[in-house]
Amino acid sequence: MLAKKIRELRKKKGYSQEKLAREADVSYNTVVKLESGESKHPTIQTMAGIAQALGVSLDDLAKECS
């Protein structure tokens, strides 16, 4: 599940939700909604920013969650 994967990768990097939001150039609320599973269809731009901030490729993030 995408929410779980993002949370795991964020914690592995030692990032807070706020730090991930800043690094990914997305709003804090976006990160909260993604991690809670409330946001089920994020934009490609959002996912690309999060993948880059977490140090993984967008392909890897998508593969691990499908």
Protein backbone atom coordinates (compact mmCIF):
# COMPACT_ATOMS: atom_id res chain seq x y z
CA MET A 1 0.00 0.00 0.00
CA LEU A 2 1.30 3.44 -0.94
CA ALA A 3 0.57 5.02 2.43
CA LYS A 4 2.54 2.40 4.32
CA LYS A 5 5.47 2.52 1.88
CA ILE A 6 5.80 6.30 2.09
CA ARG A 7 5.66 6.19 5.90
CA GLU A 8 8.29 3.41 6.05
CA LEU A 9 10.66 5.21 3.69
CA ARG A 10 10.17 8.52 5.52
CA LYS A 11 10.94 6.98 8.89
CA LYS A 12 13.97 5.15 7.45
CA LYS A 13 15.34 8.53 6.32
CA GLY A 14 14.61 9.99 9.74
CA TYR A 15 12.25 12.61 8.31
CA SER A 16 9.23 14.06 10.03
CA GLN A 17 6.12 14.56 7.90
CA GLU A 18 6.91 18.28 7.87
CA LYS A 19 10.48 17.70 6.67
CA LEU A 20 9.29 15.35 3.91
CA ALA A 21 6.76 17.97 2.80
CA ARG A 22 9.50 20.63 2.60
CA GLU A 23 11.95 18.35 0.78
CA ALA A 24 9.28 17.16 -1.68
CA ASP A 25 7.89 20.69 -2.19
CA VAL A 26 4.36 19.61 -1.27
CA SER A 27 2.09 20.73 1.53
CA TYR A 28 2.21 19.13 4.95
CA ASN A 29 -1.48 18.23 4.53
CA THR A 30 -0.63 16.33 1.35
CA VAL A 31 1.88 14.16 3.20
CA VAL A 32 -0.59 13.54 6.04
CA LYS A 33 -3.33 12.55 3.60
CA LEU A 34 -1.02 10.26 1.63
CA GLU A 35 0.25 8.49 4.74
CA SER A 36 -3.23 8.09 6.18
CA GLY A 37 -4.53 6.64 2.92
CA GLU A 38 -7.03 9.48 2.53
CA SER A 39 -5.41 10.58 -0.73
CA LYS A 40 -5.61 7.58 -3.03
CA HIS A 41 -4.77 9.24 -6.36
CA PRO A 42 -1.90 11.72 -5.92
CA THR A 43 -0.64 13.64 -8.93
CA ILE A 44 2.48 12.50 -10.74
CA GLN A 45 4.18 15.74 -9.65
CA THR A 46 3.44 15.00 -6.00
CA MET A 47 4.72 11.45 -6.28
CA ALA A 48 7.84 12.52 -8.17
CA GLY A 49 8.67 15.06 -5.46
CA ILE A 50 8.14 12.53 -2.70
CA ALA A 51 10.18 9.87 -4.48
CA GLN A 52 13.05 12.31 -5.01
CA ALA A 53 12.93 13.49 -1.38
CA LEU A 54 12.99 9.87 -0.19
CA GLY A 55 15.85 8.94 -2.50
CA VAL A 56 13.97 6.38 -4.58
CA SER A 57 12.89 6.42 -8.20
CA LEU A 58 9.28 7.04 -9.06
CA ASP A 59 9.26 3.64 -10.77
CA ASP A 60 10.50 1.90 -7.63
CA LEU A 61 7.96 3.66 -5.45
CA ALA A 62 5.12 2.74 -7.82
CA LYS A 63 6.31 -0.88 -8.25
CA GLU A 64 6.56 -1.48 -4.54
CA CYS A 65 3.00 -0.23 -4.05
CA SER A 66 1.22 -2.00 -6.88
